[in-house]
Amino acid sequence: MGLMAEPLLAERVEPVLVRDFGAWMASEQRRVYALCQRFLQDRDEADSATQDVFLKAYQALKREDAKELDDPARWITRIAVNTCLDRLRSRKWQFWRRRPSSEDEKTILSMAASTAPEAEARYFATEISARLAASLEKLSPRQRSVFTLRHFEEMSLEEIGDLLGLDVGTVKAHMFRAVAKLREDLRDLYGGTK
């Protein structure tokens, strides 16, 4: 029997992002959390989703077939959007949302009363924000994605299409429907009648 040649094992070169993952994560974490918060409308859930996003990113980078990324920010945004969409589709997490009872809410609001003018302005800003969040909840996950990426992340329609795997016409259609639904739902806030 002849000697068998040992196969040459090529040493795997880790992508730069894996070597500096902690620093990169720290630089992107606030932006990813804000995006998840806008999608999920729940701080605890957004925090959990953000952790999931970076765990998925790290695992993807550690795989044998991982390669250098041209645009790491866009890549992590895509992971975040897909993670949030998965959570919105499942709705299982809704069971765990904590909200005070209506009696507790009344007690909290009565204790926080203030006569200062800025308190009233803050109250109305909070009310408007809550109404917008509730209206966003009524949109389909795809409409919410398009609206959030356009108006909160300031992405172009082309970038949104690339990120979500949609053509620009479909993105425009989702945007049009989202804006129409939001206008209808929030009409009383800008002088219309509901």
N, C-alpha and C. Protein backbone atom coordinates (compact mmCIF):
# COMPACT_ATOMS: atom_id res chain seq x y z
N MET A 1 0.82 -1.17 0.00
CA MET A 1 0.00 0.00 0.00
C MET A 1 0.87 1.24 0.00
N GLY A 2 0.56 2.19 -0.85
CA GLY A 2 1.36 3.41 -0.96
C GLY A 2 1.00 4.42 0.11
N LEU A 3 1.89 5.35 0.29
CA LEU A 3 1.63 6.43 1.24
C LEU A 3 0.56 7.37 0.69
N MET A 4 -0.38 7.69 1.54
CA MET A 4 -1.43 8.62 1.11
C MET A 4 -0.99 10.04 1.45
N ALA A 5 -1.17 10.90 0.52
CA ALA A 5 -0.81 12.30 0.77
C ALA A 5 -1.90 12.94 1.62
N GLU A 6 -1.48 13.65 2.64
CA GLU A 6 -2.45 14.34 3.47
C GLU A 6 -3.00 15.54 2.71
N PRO A 7 -4.32 15.72 2.77
CA PRO A 7 -4.88 16.87 2.06
C PRO A 7 -4.41 18.17 2.71
N LEU A 8 -4.16 19.12 1.87
CA LEU A 8 -3.76 20.43 2.39
C LEU A 8 -4.99 21.15 2.91
N LEU A 9 -4.94 21.57 4.14
CA LEU A 9 -6.05 22.30 4.74
C LEU A 9 -5.74 23.79 4.67
N ALA A 10 -6.55 24.47 3.91
CA ALA A 10 -6.37 25.92 3.82
C ALA A 10 -6.88 26.55 5.10
N GLU A 11 -6.07 27.39 5.66
CA GLU A 11 -6.48 28.06 6.90
C GLU A 11 -7.53 29.11 6.56
N ARG A 12 -8.60 29.09 7.32
CA ARG A 12 -9.70 30.02 7.07
C ARG A 12 -9.30 31.41 7.56
N VAL A 13 -9.49 32.39 6.71
CA VAL A 13 -9.21 33.76 7.09
C VAL A 13 -10.54 34.39 7.50
N GLU A 14 -10.60 34.88 8.74
CA GLU A 14 -11.84 35.48 9.22
C GLU A 14 -12.05 36.84 8.59
N PRO A 15 -13.29 37.16 8.26
CA PRO A 15 -13.57 38.50 7.75
C PRO A 15 -13.19 39.54 8.81
N VAL A 16 -12.83 40.71 8.37
CA VAL A 16 -12.43 41.80 9.27
C VAL A 16 -13.54 42.07 10.27
N LEU A 17 -14.78 42.00 9.84
CA LEU A 17 -15.91 42.30 10.71
C LEU A 17 -15.98 41.35 11.90
N VAL A 18 -15.55 40.10 11.72
CA VAL A 18 -15.55 39.15 12.84
C VAL A 18 -14.50 39.56 13.86
N ARG A 19 -13.34 39.96 13.38
CA ARG A 19 -12.27 40.35 14.29
C ARG A 19 -12.63 41.59 15.10
N ASP A 20 -13.35 42.51 14.50
CA ASP A 20 -13.72 43.77 15.17
C ASP A 20 -15.22 43.82 15.45
N PHE A 21 -15.83 42.67 15.67
CA PHE A 21 -17.29 42.62 15.81
C PHE A 21 -17.80 43.47 16.98
N GLY A 22 -17.11 43.43 18.11
CA GLY A 22 -17.55 44.21 19.28
C GLY A 22 -17.61 45.70 19.00
N ALA A 23 -16.58 46.21 18.36
CA ALA A 23 -16.55 47.64 18.05
C ALA A 23 -17.62 47.99 17.02
N TRP A 24 -17.76 47.14 16.00
CA TRP A 24 -18.77 47.38 14.97
C TRP A 24 -20.17 47.33 15.58
N MET A 25 -20.41 46.35 16.44
CA MET A 25 -21.72 46.22 17.08
C MET A 25 -22.01 47.47 17.92
N ALA A 26 -21.04 47.93 18.66
CA ALA A 26 -21.25 49.13 19.48
C ALA A 26 -21.60 50.34 18.63
N SER A 27 -21.01 50.43 17.44
CA SER A 27 -21.29 51.58 16.57
C SER A 27 -22.67 51.48 15.92
N GLU A 28 -23.19 50.29 15.73
CA GLU A 28 -24.48 50.09 15.04
C GLU A 28 -25.64 49.84 15.99
N GLN A 29 -25.36 49.55 17.25
CA GLN A 29 -26.40 49.08 18.17
C GLN A 29 -27.53 50.09 18.37
N ARG A 30 -27.22 51.34 18.56
CA ARG A 30 -28.25 52.37 18.79
C ARG A 30 -29.18 52.48 17.58
N ARG A 31 -28.60 52.48 16.38
CA ARG A 31 -29.40 52.61 15.15
C ARG A 31 -30.31 51.39 14.96
N VAL A 32 -29.76 50.20 15.20
CA VAL A 32 -30.54 48.97 15.04
C VAL A 32 -31.66 48.93 16.08
N TYR A 33 -31.35 49.32 17.32
CA TYR A 33 -32.38 49.35 18.37
C TYR A 33 -33.51 50.31 17.99
N ALA A 34 -33.15 51.50 17.50
CA ALA A 34 -34.18 52.49 17.12
C ALA A 34 -35.06 51.94 16.00
N LEU A 35 -34.47 51.26 15.05
CA LEU A 35 -35.24 50.66 13.96
C LEU A 35 -36.19 49.59 14.51
N CYS A 36 -35.69 48.72 15.37
CA CYS A 36 -36.53 47.67 15.97
C CYS A 36 -37.64 48.29 16.81
N GLN A 37 -37.33 49.35 17.53
CA GLN A 37 -38.33 50.03 18.36
C GLN A 37 -39.46 50.59 17.49
N ARG A 38 -39.11 51.16 16.36
CA ARG A 38 -40.13 51.71 15.46
C ARG A 38 -41.02 50.60 14.90
N PHE A 39 -40.43 49.48 14.59
CA PHE A 39 -41.21 48.37 14.05
C PHE A 39 -42.10 47.74 15.10
N LEU A 40 -41.55 47.48 16.27
CA LEU A 40 -42.23 46.66 17.27
C LEU A 40 -43.02 47.46 18.29
N GLN A 41 -42.73 48.74 18.42
CA GLN A 41 -43.46 49.62 19.33
C GLN A 41 -43.41 49.14 20.78
N ASP A 42 -42.32 48.51 21.17
CA ASP A 42 -42.18 48.01 22.53
C ASP A 42 -40.69 47.98 22.85
N ARG A 43 -40.29 48.69 23.90
CA ARG A 43 -38.86 48.82 24.21
C ARG A 43 -38.21 47.49 24.57
N ASP A 44 -38.89 46.71 25.41
CA ASP A 44 -38.32 45.43 25.80
C ASP A 44 -38.20 44.50 24.60
N GLU A 45 -39.22 44.48 23.78
CA GLU A 45 -39.19 43.62 22.59
C GLU A 45 -38.12 44.11 21.61
N ALA A 46 -37.98 45.42 21.48
CA ALA A 46 -36.95 45.97 20.60
C ALA A 46 -35.55 45.61 21.11
N ASP A 47 -35.37 45.65 22.42
CA ASP A 47 -34.09 45.27 23.01
C ASP A 47 -33.78 43.80 22.72
N SER A 48 -34.77 42.95 22.89
CA SER A 48 -34.60 41.52 22.62
C SER A 48 -34.32 41.29 21.13
N ALA A 49 -35.06 41.99 20.27
CA ALA A 49 -34.86 41.84 18.83
C ALA A 49 -33.47 42.30 18.42
N THR A 50 -32.99 43.38 19.03
CA THR A 50 -31.65 43.89 18.72
C THR A 50 -30.60 42.85 19.07
N GLN A 51 -30.76 42.21 20.21
CA GLN A 51 -29.82 41.15 20.59
C GLN A 51 -29.87 40.00 19.58
N ASP A 52 -31.08 39.64 19.16
CA ASP A 52 -31.23 38.58 18.16
C ASP A 52 -30.54 38.96 16.85
N VAL A 53 -30.69 40.22 16.45
CA VAL A 53 -30.09 40.69 15.20
C VAL A 53 -28.58 40.50 15.24
N PHE A 54 -27.95 40.93 16.32
CA PHE A 54 -26.48 40.83 16.38
C PHE A 54 -26.02 39.39 16.57
N LEU A 55 -26.81 38.58 17.24
CA LEU A 55 -26.47 37.17 17.35
C LEU A 55 -26.52 36.51 15.97
N LYS A 56 -27.58 36.78 15.21
CA LYS A 56 -27.69 36.24 13.84
C LYS A 56 -26.53 36.72 12.97
N ALA A 57 -26.19 38.00 13.10
CA ALA A 57 -25.10 38.55 12.31
C ALA A 57 -23.78 37.87 12.66
N TYR A 58 -23.52 37.70 13.94
CA TYR A 58 -22.27 37.07 14.37
C TYR A 58 -22.20 35.62 13.88
N GLN A 59 -23.31 34.90 14.01
CA GLN A 59 -23.32 33.51 13.56
C GLN A 59 -23.10 33.42 12.05
N ALA A 60 -23.71 34.35 11.32
CA ALA A 60 -23.53 34.34 9.86
C ALA A 60 -22.07 34.64 9.50
N LEU A 61 -21.45 35.53 10.21
CA LEU A 61 -20.06 35.87 9.93
C LEU A 61 -19.09 34.76 10.31
N LYS A 62 -19.43 33.95 11.30
CA LYS A 62 -18.56 32.87 11.76
C LYS A 62 -18.65 31.61 10.89
N ARG A 63 -19.66 31.55 10.03
CA ARG A 63 -19.79 30.37 9.16
C ARG A 63 -18.60 30.26 8.22
N GLU A 64 -18.35 29.04 7.81
CA GLU A 64 -17.21 28.75 6.94
C GLU A 64 -17.25 29.54 5.63
N ASP A 65 -18.46 29.75 5.09
CA ASP A 65 -18.58 30.39 3.79
C ASP A 65 -18.76 31.91 3.88
N ALA A 66 -18.54 32.48 5.06
CA ALA A 66 -18.70 33.93 5.23
C ALA A 66 -17.64 34.67 4.42
N LYS A 67 -18.03 35.79 3.87
CA LYS A 67 -17.10 36.59 3.09
C LYS A 67 -17.19 38.05 3.53
N GLU A 68 -16.27 38.83 3.07
CA GLU A 68 -16.26 40.25 3.39
C GLU A 68 -17.54 40.89 2.82
N LEU A 69 -18.09 41.85 3.55
CA LEU A 69 -19.31 42.52 3.13
C LEU A 69 -18.99 43.86 2.50
N ASP A 70 -19.70 44.18 1.43
CA ASP A 70 -19.50 45.48 0.79
C ASP A 70 -20.10 46.59 1.63
N ASP A 71 -21.27 46.34 2.21
CA ASP A 71 -21.99 47.37 2.97
C ASP A 71 -22.56 46.76 4.25
N PRO A 72 -21.74 46.67 5.31
CA PRO A 72 -22.19 46.04 6.55
C PRO A 72 -23.42 46.71 7.17
N ALA A 73 -23.56 48.03 7.04
CA ALA A 73 -24.72 48.73 7.62
C ALA A 73 -26.01 48.29 6.93
N ARG A 74 -25.97 48.16 5.63
CA ARG A 74 -27.16 47.72 4.88
C ARG A 74 -27.47 46.26 5.22
N TRP A 75 -26.43 45.44 5.37
CA TRP A 75 -26.60 44.03 5.70
C TRP A 75 -27.26 43.87 7.06
N ILE A 76 -26.80 44.61 8.07
CA ILE A 76 -27.39 44.48 9.41
C ILE A 76 -28.80 45.06 9.42
N THR A 77 -29.07 46.07 8.61
CA THR A 77 -30.42 46.63 8.50
C THR A 77 -31.37 45.57 7.94
N ARG A 78 -30.92 44.84 6.95
CA ARG A 78 -31.76 43.78 6.37
C ARG A 78 -32.07 42.71 7.41
N ILE A 79 -31.07 42.32 8.20
CA ILE A 79 -31.29 41.33 9.25
C ILE A 79 -32.29 41.87 10.27
N ALA A 80 -32.15 43.15 10.63
CA ALA A 80 -33.07 43.76 11.61
C ALA A 80 -34.49 43.80 11.08
N VAL A 81 -34.67 44.21 9.84
CA VAL A 81 -36.02 44.27 9.25
C VAL A 81 -36.64 42.89 9.23
N ASN A 82 -35.89 41.89 8.79
CA ASN A 82 -36.43 40.53 8.72
C ASN A 82 -36.75 39.98 10.11
N THR A 83 -35.91 40.28 11.08
CA THR A 83 -36.17 39.84 12.46
C THR A 83 -37.46 40.46 12.98
N CYS A 84 -37.63 41.76 12.75
CA CYS A 84 -38.84 42.44 13.21
C CYS A 84 -40.08 41.93 12.48
N LEU A 85 -39.96 41.72 11.18
CA LEU A 85 -41.11 41.19 10.43
C LEU A 85 -41.50 39.81 10.93
N ASP A 86 -40.51 38.98 11.24
CA ASP A 86 -40.80 37.65 11.79
C ASP A 86 -41.57 37.78 13.11
N ARG A 87 -41.12 38.68 13.96
CA ARG A 87 -41.79 38.87 15.25
C ARG A 87 -43.20 39.42 15.06
N LEU A 88 -43.37 40.33 14.13
CA LEU A 88 -44.70 40.88 13.88
C LEU A 88 -45.64 39.82 13.32
N ARG A 89 -45.10 38.96 12.48
CA ARG A 89 -45.94 37.89 11.91
C ARG A 89 -46.38 36.91 12.97
N SER A 90 -45.50 36.59 13.89
CA SER A 90 -45.83 35.56 14.89
C SER A 90 -46.82 36.07 15.92
N ARG A 91 -46.67 37.31 16.32
CA ARG A 91 -47.56 37.91 17.32
C ARG A 91 -47.60 37.14 18.64
N LYS A 92 -46.76 36.12 18.77
CA LYS A 92 -46.73 35.38 20.03
C LYS A 92 -46.23 36.26 21.17
N TRP A 93 -45.34 37.18 20.84
CA TRP A 93 -44.77 38.02 21.88
C TRP A 93 -45.80 38.98 22.46
N GLN A 94 -46.90 39.21 21.76
CA GLN A 94 -47.93 40.13 22.27
C GLN A 94 -48.45 39.68 23.62
N PHE A 95 -48.45 38.39 23.87
CA PHE A 95 -48.93 37.86 25.14
C PHE A 95 -48.14 38.42 26.31
N TRP A 96 -46.86 38.69 26.08
CA TRP A 96 -45.97 39.11 27.16
C TRP A 96 -45.91 40.61 27.35
N ARG A 97 -46.55 41.37 26.48
CA ARG A 97 -46.52 42.83 26.64
C ARG A 97 -47.15 43.22 27.95
N ARG A 98 -46.47 44.11 28.63
CA ARG A 98 -46.98 44.58 29.92
C ARG A 98 -47.60 45.96 29.74
N ARG A 99 -48.82 46.09 30.16
CA ARG A 99 -49.48 47.38 30.14
C ARG A 99 -50.25 47.51 31.44
N PRO A 100 -50.16 48.66 32.08
CA PRO A 100 -50.90 48.81 33.33
C PRO A 100 -52.40 48.77 33.08
N SER A 101 -53.13 48.36 34.09
CA SER A 101 -54.59 48.35 33.97
C SER A 101 -55.07 49.78 33.82
N SER A 102 -56.31 49.96 33.38
CA SER A 102 -56.83 51.30 33.17
C SER A 102 -56.89 52.07 34.49
N GLU A 103 -57.17 51.38 35.59
CA GLU A 103 -57.18 52.05 36.90
C GLU A 103 -55.79 52.54 37.27
N ASP A 104 -54.78 51.69 37.03
CA ASP A 104 -53.40 52.10 37.32
C ASP A 104 -52.97 53.27 36.43
N GLU A 105 -53.39 53.26 35.17
CA GLU A 105 -53.07 54.37 34.27
C GLU A 105 -53.65 55.67 34.78
N LYS A 106 -54.92 55.64 35.22
CA LYS A 106 -55.56 56.84 35.76
C LYS A 106 -54.82 57.34 36.98
N THR A 107 -54.42 56.45 37.87
CA THR A 107 -53.69 56.83 39.07
C THR A 107 -52.36 57.47 38.71
N ILE A 108 -51.64 56.86 37.77
CA ILE A 108 -50.34 57.39 37.35
C ILE A 108 -50.51 58.77 36.73
N LEU A 109 -51.52 58.93 35.87
CA LEU A 109 -51.75 60.23 35.22
C LEU A 109 -52.16 61.30 36.22
N SER A 110 -52.97 60.94 37.21
CA SER A 110 -53.40 61.94 38.20
C SER A 110 -52.23 62.38 39.06
N MET A 111 -51.30 61.50 39.34
CA MET A 111 -50.13 61.85 40.15
C MET A 111 -49.14 62.69 39.36
N ALA A 112 -49.16 62.60 38.04
CA ALA A 112 -48.21 63.32 37.20
C ALA A 112 -48.73 64.67 36.73
N ALA A 113 -49.89 65.07 37.21
CA ALA A 113 -50.47 66.33 36.76
C ALA A 113 -49.56 67.50 37.09
N SER A 114 -49.47 68.45 36.18
CA SER A 114 -48.66 69.64 36.37
C SER A 114 -49.37 70.81 35.73
N THR A 115 -49.20 71.99 36.30
CA THR A 115 -49.83 73.19 35.74
C THR A 115 -48.88 73.92 34.80
N ALA A 116 -47.65 73.47 34.70
CA ALA A 116 -46.68 74.13 33.83
C ALA A 116 -47.07 73.94 32.38
N PRO A 117 -46.94 74.99 31.55
CA PRO A 117 -47.33 74.88 30.14
C PRO A 117 -46.57 73.79 29.39
N GLU A 118 -45.29 73.60 29.75
CA GLU A 118 -44.53 72.58 29.02
C GLU A 118 -45.06 71.17 29.29
N ALA A 119 -45.69 70.97 30.43
CA ALA A 119 -46.26 69.66 30.74
C ALA A 119 -47.42 69.36 29.78
N GLU A 120 -48.21 70.37 29.49
CA GLU A 120 -49.33 70.17 28.55
C GLU A 120 -48.81 69.85 27.15
N ALA A 121 -47.78 70.57 26.72
CA ALA A 121 -47.20 70.32 25.41
C ALA A 121 -46.62 68.91 25.33
N ARG A 122 -45.93 68.50 26.41
CA ARG A 122 -45.39 67.14 26.44
C ARG A 122 -46.50 66.11 26.41
N TYR A 123 -47.58 66.39 27.12
CA TYR A 123 -48.72 65.46 27.15
C TYR A 123 -49.28 65.27 25.75
N PHE A 124 -49.51 66.39 25.03
CA PHE A 124 -50.06 66.28 23.68
C PHE A 124 -49.08 65.62 22.72
N ALA A 125 -47.80 65.89 22.89
CA ALA A 125 -46.80 65.22 22.04
C ALA A 125 -46.82 63.72 22.30
N THR A 126 -46.97 63.33 23.56
CA THR A 126 -47.05 61.91 23.90
C THR A 126 -48.31 61.30 23.32
N GLU A 127 -49.42 62.02 23.39
CA GLU A 127 -50.68 61.53 22.83
C GLU A 127 -50.57 61.34 21.31
N ILE A 128 -49.98 62.32 20.65
CA ILE A 128 -49.82 62.23 19.19
C ILE A 128 -48.91 61.06 18.84
N SER A 129 -47.83 60.92 19.59
CA SER A 129 -46.91 59.81 19.37
C SER A 129 -47.61 58.47 19.56
N ALA A 130 -48.44 58.38 20.60
CA ALA A 130 -49.18 57.14 20.86
C ALA A 130 -50.18 56.86 19.75
N ARG A 131 -50.85 57.91 19.26
CA ARG A 131 -51.79 57.74 18.15
C ARG A 131 -51.08 57.27 16.88
N LEU A 132 -49.92 57.85 16.61
CA LEU A 132 -49.16 57.44 15.44
C LEU A 132 -48.71 55.99 15.58
N ALA A 133 -48.24 55.63 16.76
CA ALA A 133 -47.82 54.25 16.99
C ALA A 133 -48.98 53.29 16.81
N ALA A 134 -50.16 53.65 17.32
CA ALA A 134 -51.34 52.80 17.17
C ALA A 134 -51.74 52.69 15.70
N SER A 135 -51.63 53.79 14.97
CA SER A 135 -51.97 53.77 13.55
C SER A 135 -50.97 52.92 12.77
N LEU A 136 -49.69 53.00 13.13
CA LEU A 136 -48.69 52.17 12.47
C LEU A 136 -48.96 50.69 12.72
N GLU A 137 -49.46 50.37 13.91
CA GLU A 137 -49.80 48.98 14.25
C GLU A 137 -50.86 48.42 13.30
N LYS A 138 -51.75 49.28 12.80
CA LYS A 138 -52.85 48.85 11.94
C LYS A 138 -52.39 48.54 10.51
N LEU A 139 -51.21 49.03 10.14
CA LEU A 139 -50.70 48.78 8.80
C LEU A 139 -50.24 47.33 8.69
N SER A 140 -50.23 46.84 7.47
CA SER A 140 -49.68 45.50 7.25
C SER A 140 -48.18 45.56 7.53
N PRO A 141 -47.56 44.42 7.86
CA PRO A 141 -46.11 44.44 8.12
C PRO A 141 -45.30 45.03 6.96
N ARG A 142 -45.68 44.75 5.74
CA ARG A 142 -44.94 45.27 4.58
C ARG A 142 -45.12 46.78 4.47
N GLN A 143 -46.36 47.29 4.67
CA GLN A 143 -46.60 48.73 4.62
C GLN A 143 -45.83 49.44 5.73
N ARG A 144 -45.84 48.86 6.92
CA ARG A 144 -45.10 49.45 8.05
C ARG A 144 -43.61 49.46 7.75
N SER A 145 -43.11 48.39 7.15
CA SER A 145 -41.68 48.34 6.80
C SER A 145 -41.31 49.46 5.85
N VAL A 146 -42.09 49.60 4.79
CA VAL A 146 -41.80 50.62 3.78
C VAL A 146 -41.88 52.01 4.39
N PHE A 147 -42.95 52.28 5.15
CA PHE A 147 -43.14 53.60 5.76
C PHE A 147 -42.00 53.90 6.74
N THR A 148 -41.66 52.94 7.59
CA THR A 148 -40.61 53.14 8.59
C THR A 148 -39.26 53.39 7.95
N LEU A 149 -38.92 52.59 6.96
CA LEU A 149 -37.62 52.76 6.31
C LEU A 149 -37.54 54.09 5.56
N ARG A 150 -38.66 54.53 4.98
CA ARG A 150 -38.67 55.78 4.23
C ARG A 150 -38.64 57.00 5.16
N HIS A 151 -39.50 57.01 6.16
CA HIS A 151 -39.67 58.22 6.96
C HIS A 151 -38.83 58.27 8.23
N PHE A 152 -38.41 57.14 8.77
CA PHE A 152 -37.60 57.16 9.97
C PHE A 152 -36.14 56.87 9.66
N GLU A 153 -35.89 56.00 8.70
CA GLU A 153 -34.51 55.69 8.32
C GLU A 153 -34.04 56.51 7.13
N GLU A 154 -34.96 57.28 6.51
CA GLU A 154 -34.67 58.18 5.39
C GLU A 154 -33.99 57.47 4.22
N MET A 155 -34.48 56.28 3.91
CA MET A 155 -33.95 55.53 2.77
C MET A 155 -34.72 55.91 1.51
N SER A 156 -34.07 55.81 0.38
CA SER A 156 -34.74 56.07 -0.89
C SER A 156 -35.64 54.88 -1.23
N LEU A 157 -36.56 55.10 -2.16
CA LEU A 157 -37.45 54.01 -2.58
C LEU A 157 -36.65 52.86 -3.19
N GLU A 158 -35.59 53.20 -3.92
CA GLU A 158 -34.75 52.17 -4.52
C GLU A 158 -34.04 51.35 -3.45
N GLU A 159 -33.52 52.03 -2.42
CA GLU A 159 -32.84 51.33 -1.32
C GLU A 159 -33.82 50.40 -0.59
N ILE A 160 -35.03 50.89 -0.37
CA ILE A 160 -36.05 50.07 0.30
C ILE A 160 -36.37 48.84 -0.55
N GLY A 161 -36.52 49.05 -1.85
CA GLY A 161 -36.79 47.93 -2.75
C GLY A 161 -35.69 46.89 -2.71
N ASP A 162 -34.44 47.36 -2.75
CA ASP A 162 -33.30 46.43 -2.67
C ASP A 162 -33.30 45.68 -1.35
N LEU A 163 -33.54 46.40 -0.27
CA LEU A 163 -33.50 45.80 1.06
C LEU A 163 -34.59 44.75 1.26
N LEU A 164 -35.80 45.05 0.78
CA LEU A 164 -36.92 44.14 0.98
C LEU A 164 -37.14 43.18 -0.18
N GLY A 165 -36.35 43.31 -1.22
CA GLY A 165 -36.49 42.42 -2.38
C GLY A 165 -37.74 42.72 -3.19
N LEU A 166 -38.09 44.00 -3.31
CA LEU A 166 -39.29 44.43 -4.04
C LEU A 166 -38.87 45.38 -5.15
N ASP A 167 -39.69 45.44 -6.22
CA ASP A 167 -39.39 46.45 -7.22
C ASP A 167 -39.93 47.80 -6.75
N VAL A 168 -39.44 48.87 -7.33
CA VAL A 168 -39.77 50.22 -6.88
C VAL A 168 -41.26 50.49 -6.99
N GLY A 169 -41.91 49.97 -8.01
CA GLY A 169 -43.36 50.17 -8.16
C GLY A 169 -44.13 49.56 -7.00
N THR A 170 -43.71 48.40 -6.55
CA THR A 170 -44.37 47.76 -5.41
C THR A 170 -44.12 48.55 -4.14
N VAL A 171 -42.90 49.07 -3.98
CA VAL A 171 -42.59 49.91 -2.81
C VAL A 171 -43.49 51.14 -2.82
N LYS A 172 -43.64 51.77 -3.99
CA LYS A 172 -44.50 52.96 -4.10
C LYS A 172 -45.94 52.63 -3.74
N ALA A 173 -46.41 51.48 -4.18
CA ALA A 173 -47.80 51.08 -3.89
C ALA A 173 -47.99 50.87 -2.38
N HIS A 174 -47.04 50.20 -1.74
CA HIS A 174 -47.13 50.01 -0.29
C HIS A 174 -47.06 51.35 0.44
N MET A 175 -46.20 52.26 -0.04
CA MET A 175 -46.07 53.58 0.58
C MET A 175 -47.38 54.36 0.43
N PHE A 176 -47.95 54.33 -0.75
CA PHE A 176 -49.21 55.05 -1.00
C PHE A 176 -50.31 54.55 -0.08
N ARG A 177 -50.44 53.22 0.03
CA ARG A 177 -51.48 52.65 0.89
C ARG A 177 -51.24 52.99 2.36
N ALA A 178 -49.98 52.94 2.78
CA ALA A 178 -49.65 53.25 4.18
C ALA A 178 -49.99 54.70 4.51
N VAL A 179 -49.59 55.61 3.64
CA VAL A 179 -49.86 57.03 3.88
C VAL A 179 -51.36 57.30 3.86
N ALA A 180 -52.09 56.68 2.93
CA ALA A 180 -53.54 56.89 2.87
C ALA A 180 -54.21 56.40 4.16
N LYS A 181 -53.79 55.24 4.65
CA LYS A 181 -54.39 54.71 5.89
C LYS A 181 -54.05 55.60 7.08
N LEU A 182 -52.80 56.07 7.16
CA LEU A 182 -52.40 56.93 8.26
C LEU A 182 -53.14 58.27 8.21
N ARG A 183 -53.29 58.83 7.01
CA ARG A 183 -54.03 60.09 6.88
C ARG A 183 -55.47 59.92 7.35
N GLU A 184 -56.07 58.83 6.95
CA GLU A 184 -57.47 58.58 7.35
C GLU A 184 -57.57 58.41 8.86
N ASP A 185 -56.67 57.66 9.41
CA ASP A 185 -56.72 57.35 10.84
C ASP A 185 -56.38 58.56 11.72
N LEU A 186 -55.54 59.46 11.20
CA LEU A 186 -55.07 60.60 12.01
C LEU A 186 -55.65 61.93 11.54
N ARG A 187 -56.68 61.89 10.73
CA ARG A 187 -57.26 63.10 10.14
C ARG A 187 -57.61 64.14 11.19
N ASP A 188 -58.17 63.74 12.31
CA ASP A 188 -58.60 64.70 13.34
C ASP A 188 -57.43 65.45 13.97
N LEU A 189 -56.20 64.94 13.85
CA LEU A 189 -55.05 65.60 14.43
C LEU A 189 -54.60 66.81 13.62
N TYR A 190 -54.93 66.85 12.33
CA TYR A 190 -54.49 67.98 11.52
C TYR A 190 -55.66 68.77 10.95
N GLY A 191 -56.75 68.82 11.70
CA GLY A 191 -57.84 69.72 11.36
C GLY A 191 -58.99 69.10 10.59
N GLY A 192 -58.87 67.87 10.20
CA GLY A 192 -59.98 67.21 9.49
C GLY A 192 -60.96 66.63 10.50
N THR A 193 -62.02 66.09 10.01
CA THR A 193 -62.96 65.41 10.91
C THR A 193 -62.85 63.93 10.68
N LYS A 194 -63.02 63.20 11.72
CA LYS A 194 -62.83 61.74 11.64
C LYS A 194 -64.07 61.05 11.20
